Amino acid sequence: MDEIVDIHVLDGFQIWIKFKDGLEKTVNVRQFLGKGFTEELLDYDNFKKVAIEPGGGIAWYNGFDVCPNYLRTL
């Protein structure tokens, strides 16, 4: 399983991520935001509250998360 070890929030709902194996990439997560409980993440101050989960994925305070394996495919 892939694991994210570092993240940085960028402009335009993009996140730079670094995987445990050294792969680095920038992912635009805007396509996943705006419906249901993800709507509040369109507020950039809320969007910036992303963190790395213990399992190596990324998650926000409201429970929205994205699997590291999926992020690697984007």
N, C-alpha and C. Protein backbone atom coordinates (compact mmCIF):
# COMPACT_ATOMS: atom_id res chain seq x y z
N MET A 1 0.84 -1.18 0.00
CA MET A 1 0.00 0.00 0.00
C MET A 1 0.88 1.24 0.00
N ASP A 2 0.47 2.22 -0.78
CA ASP A 2 1.19 3.49 -0.81
C ASP A 2 0.99 4.26 0.49
N GLU A 3 1.94 5.11 0.80
CA GLU A 3 1.84 5.92 2.01
C GLU A 3 2.39 7.31 1.71
N ILE A 4 1.62 8.34 2.08
CA ILE A 4 2.06 9.72 1.91
C ILE A 4 2.81 10.13 3.16
N VAL A 5 3.96 10.77 2.95
CA VAL A 5 4.79 11.17 4.09
C VAL A 5 4.91 12.69 4.24
N ASP A 6 4.51 13.45 3.20
CA ASP A 6 4.60 14.91 3.27
C ASP A 6 3.57 15.52 2.33
N ILE A 7 2.97 16.63 2.74
CA ILE A 7 2.00 17.34 1.90
C ILE A 7 2.19 18.84 2.07
N HIS A 8 1.84 19.57 1.01
CA HIS A 8 1.80 21.04 1.05
C HIS A 8 0.59 21.48 0.25
N VAL A 9 -0.21 22.35 0.82
CA VAL A 9 -1.37 22.89 0.13
C VAL A 9 -0.90 23.99 -0.81
N LEU A 10 -1.36 23.93 -2.05
CA LEU A 10 -1.03 24.93 -3.07
C LEU A 10 -2.29 25.68 -3.47
N ASP A 11 -2.15 26.68 -4.30
CA ASP A 11 -3.31 27.41 -4.80
C ASP A 11 -4.15 26.53 -5.71
N GLY A 12 -5.41 26.92 -5.91
CA GLY A 12 -6.26 26.24 -6.86
C GLY A 12 -6.69 24.84 -6.44
N PHE A 13 -6.81 24.60 -5.14
CA PHE A 13 -7.23 23.31 -4.61
C PHE A 13 -6.29 22.18 -5.02
N GLN A 14 -5.03 22.51 -5.11
CA GLN A 14 -4.01 21.52 -5.41
C GLN A 14 -3.21 21.21 -4.16
N ILE A 15 -2.74 19.98 -4.11
CA ILE A 15 -1.91 19.53 -2.99
C ILE A 15 -0.68 18.83 -3.56
N TRP A 16 0.48 19.28 -3.10
CA TRP A 16 1.72 18.58 -3.44
C TRP A 16 1.86 17.47 -2.43
N ILE A 17 2.12 16.25 -2.93
CA ILE A 17 2.28 15.11 -2.03
C ILE A 17 3.58 14.37 -2.33
N LYS A 18 4.13 13.80 -1.29
CA LYS A 18 5.32 12.97 -1.43
C LYS A 18 5.02 11.61 -0.80
N PHE A 19 5.26 10.58 -1.58
CA PHE A 19 5.03 9.21 -1.12
C PHE A 19 6.29 8.66 -0.44
N LYS A 20 6.08 7.63 0.34
CA LYS A 20 7.18 7.00 1.09
C LYS A 20 8.31 6.53 0.19
N ASP A 21 7.98 6.12 -1.04
CA ASP A 21 9.01 5.64 -1.97
C ASP A 21 9.73 6.78 -2.70
N GLY A 22 9.39 8.04 -2.37
CA GLY A 22 10.07 9.18 -2.95
C GLY A 22 9.33 9.87 -4.09
N LEU A 23 8.29 9.23 -4.64
CA LEU A 23 7.51 9.85 -5.71
C LEU A 23 6.87 11.13 -5.20
N GLU A 24 6.98 12.20 -5.98
CA GLU A 24 6.35 13.48 -5.66
C GLU A 24 5.41 13.85 -6.79
N LYS A 25 4.25 14.38 -6.44
CA LYS A 25 3.33 14.83 -7.47
C LYS A 25 2.39 15.89 -6.91
N THR A 26 1.80 16.64 -7.82
CA THR A 26 0.80 17.64 -7.47
C THR A 26 -0.54 17.14 -7.96
N VAL A 27 -1.52 17.14 -7.06
CA VAL A 27 -2.85 16.62 -7.37
C VAL A 27 -3.88 17.72 -7.16
N ASN A 28 -4.77 17.91 -8.12
CA ASN A 28 -5.88 18.85 -7.99
C ASN A 28 -7.08 18.07 -7.47
N VAL A 29 -7.54 18.40 -6.28
CA VAL A 29 -8.66 17.68 -5.68
C VAL A 29 -9.98 18.43 -5.82
N ARG A 30 -9.99 19.50 -6.56
CA ARG A 30 -11.21 20.30 -6.74
C ARG A 30 -12.37 19.45 -7.25
N GLN A 31 -12.10 18.50 -8.12
CA GLN A 31 -13.15 17.67 -8.71
C GLN A 31 -13.94 16.87 -7.67
N PHE A 32 -13.40 16.69 -6.48
CA PHE A 32 -14.05 15.92 -5.43
C PHE A 32 -14.80 16.79 -4.43
N LEU A 33 -14.75 18.10 -4.60
CA LEU A 33 -15.33 19.02 -3.63
C LEU A 33 -16.59 19.67 -4.17
N GLY A 34 -17.50 20.03 -3.26
CA GLY A 34 -18.64 20.84 -3.64
C GLY A 34 -20.00 20.21 -3.43
N LYS A 35 -20.05 18.91 -3.16
CA LYS A 35 -21.34 18.26 -2.92
C LYS A 35 -21.35 17.67 -1.51
N GLY A 36 -22.50 17.78 -0.86
CA GLY A 36 -22.63 17.22 0.48
C GLY A 36 -21.65 17.84 1.46
N PHE A 37 -21.06 16.99 2.28
CA PHE A 37 -20.18 17.50 3.33
C PHE A 37 -18.86 18.04 2.80
N THR A 38 -18.55 17.83 1.53
CA THR A 38 -17.31 18.39 0.98
C THR A 38 -17.48 19.84 0.54
N GLU A 39 -18.72 20.33 0.53
CA GLU A 39 -18.97 21.71 0.11
C GLU A 39 -18.21 22.72 0.98
N GLU A 40 -18.11 22.45 2.26
CA GLU A 40 -17.43 23.38 3.15
C GLU A 40 -15.93 23.49 2.86
N LEU A 41 -15.38 22.51 2.14
CA LEU A 41 -13.96 22.56 1.81
C LEU A 41 -13.67 23.48 0.63
N LEU A 42 -14.72 24.01 0.00
CA LEU A 42 -14.51 25.02 -1.04
C LEU A 42 -14.08 26.36 -0.44
N ASP A 43 -14.28 26.51 0.86
CA ASP A 43 -13.72 27.66 1.58
C ASP A 43 -12.24 27.33 1.77
N TYR A 44 -11.38 28.14 1.18
CA TYR A 44 -9.95 27.82 1.16
C TYR A 44 -9.35 27.68 2.55
N ASP A 45 -9.86 28.43 3.52
CA ASP A 45 -9.37 28.28 4.90
C ASP A 45 -9.66 26.88 5.43
N ASN A 46 -10.80 26.32 5.08
CA ASN A 46 -11.13 24.95 5.48
C ASN A 46 -10.30 23.95 4.68
N PHE A 47 -10.12 24.20 3.40
CA PHE A 47 -9.36 23.31 2.54
C PHE A 47 -7.93 23.12 3.05
N LYS A 48 -7.36 24.20 3.57
CA LYS A 48 -5.97 24.15 4.04
C LYS A 48 -5.79 23.28 5.29
N LYS A 49 -6.86 22.81 5.88
CA LYS A 49 -6.78 22.01 7.11
C LYS A 49 -6.58 20.52 6.83
N VAL A 50 -6.03 20.19 5.71
CA VAL A 50 -5.76 18.81 5.36
C VAL A 50 -4.58 18.28 6.16
N ALA A 51 -4.61 16.98 6.44
CA ALA A 51 -3.54 16.35 7.21
C ALA A 51 -3.31 14.94 6.68
N ILE A 52 -2.18 14.38 7.05
CA ILE A 52 -1.88 12.99 6.71
C ILE A 52 -2.48 12.08 7.78
N GLU A 53 -3.23 11.08 7.33
CA GLU A 53 -3.83 10.11 8.24
C GLU A 53 -2.78 9.08 8.68
N PRO A 54 -3.02 8.39 9.80
CA PRO A 54 -2.09 7.35 10.24
C PRO A 54 -1.84 6.27 9.17
N GLY A 55 -2.81 6.00 8.32
CA GLY A 55 -2.64 4.99 7.27
C GLY A 55 -1.93 5.49 6.03
N GLY A 56 -1.57 6.78 6.02
CA GLY A 56 -0.82 7.33 4.89
C GLY A 56 -1.65 8.04 3.85
N GLY A 57 -2.94 8.16 4.06
CA GLY A 57 -3.81 8.92 3.15
C GLY A 57 -3.89 10.36 3.62
N ILE A 58 -4.75 11.14 2.97
CA ILE A 58 -4.97 12.51 3.41
C ILE A 58 -6.42 12.65 3.85
N ALA A 59 -6.65 13.54 4.82
CA ALA A 59 -8.00 13.72 5.36
C ALA A 59 -8.18 15.14 5.86
N TRP A 60 -9.43 15.55 5.91
CA TRP A 60 -9.80 16.85 6.45
C TRP A 60 -10.57 16.63 7.74
N TYR A 61 -10.69 17.68 8.53
CA TYR A 61 -11.33 17.65 9.85
C TYR A 61 -12.78 17.16 9.80
N ASN A 62 -13.45 17.30 8.63
CA ASN A 62 -14.86 16.93 8.53
C ASN A 62 -15.07 15.45 8.16
N GLY A 63 -13.98 14.70 8.01
CA GLY A 63 -14.08 13.28 7.71
C GLY A 63 -13.84 12.91 6.26
N PHE A 64 -13.73 13.89 5.38
CA PHE A 64 -13.45 13.60 3.98
C PHE A 64 -12.00 13.14 3.86
N ASP A 65 -11.80 12.00 3.22
CA ASP A 65 -10.44 11.49 3.07
C ASP A 65 -10.24 10.90 1.68
N VAL A 66 -8.98 10.76 1.30
CA VAL A 66 -8.63 10.20 0.00
C VAL A 66 -7.51 9.18 0.21
N CYS A 67 -7.72 8.02 -0.34
CA CYS A 67 -6.77 6.91 -0.21
C CYS A 67 -5.47 7.21 -0.95
N PRO A 68 -4.32 6.89 -0.36
CA PRO A 68 -3.05 7.16 -1.05
C PRO A 68 -2.89 6.37 -2.34
N ASN A 69 -3.45 5.16 -2.40
CA ASN A 69 -3.36 4.38 -3.63
C ASN A 69 -4.08 5.10 -4.77
N TYR A 70 -5.23 5.68 -4.49
CA TYR A 70 -5.97 6.41 -5.50
C TYR A 70 -5.23 7.68 -5.90
N LEU A 71 -4.70 8.40 -4.93
CA LEU A 71 -3.96 9.63 -5.23
C LEU A 71 -2.78 9.36 -6.15
N ARG A 72 -2.18 8.22 -6.01
CA ARG A 72 -1.04 7.88 -6.87
C ARG A 72 -1.46 7.74 -8.34
N THR A 73 -2.71 7.36 -8.58
CA THR A 73 -3.18 7.16 -9.96
C THR A 73 -3.60 8.45 -10.64
N LEU A 74 -3.80 9.51 -9.89
CA LEU A 74 -4.26 10.79 -10.48
C LEU A 74 -3.16 11.51 -11.21
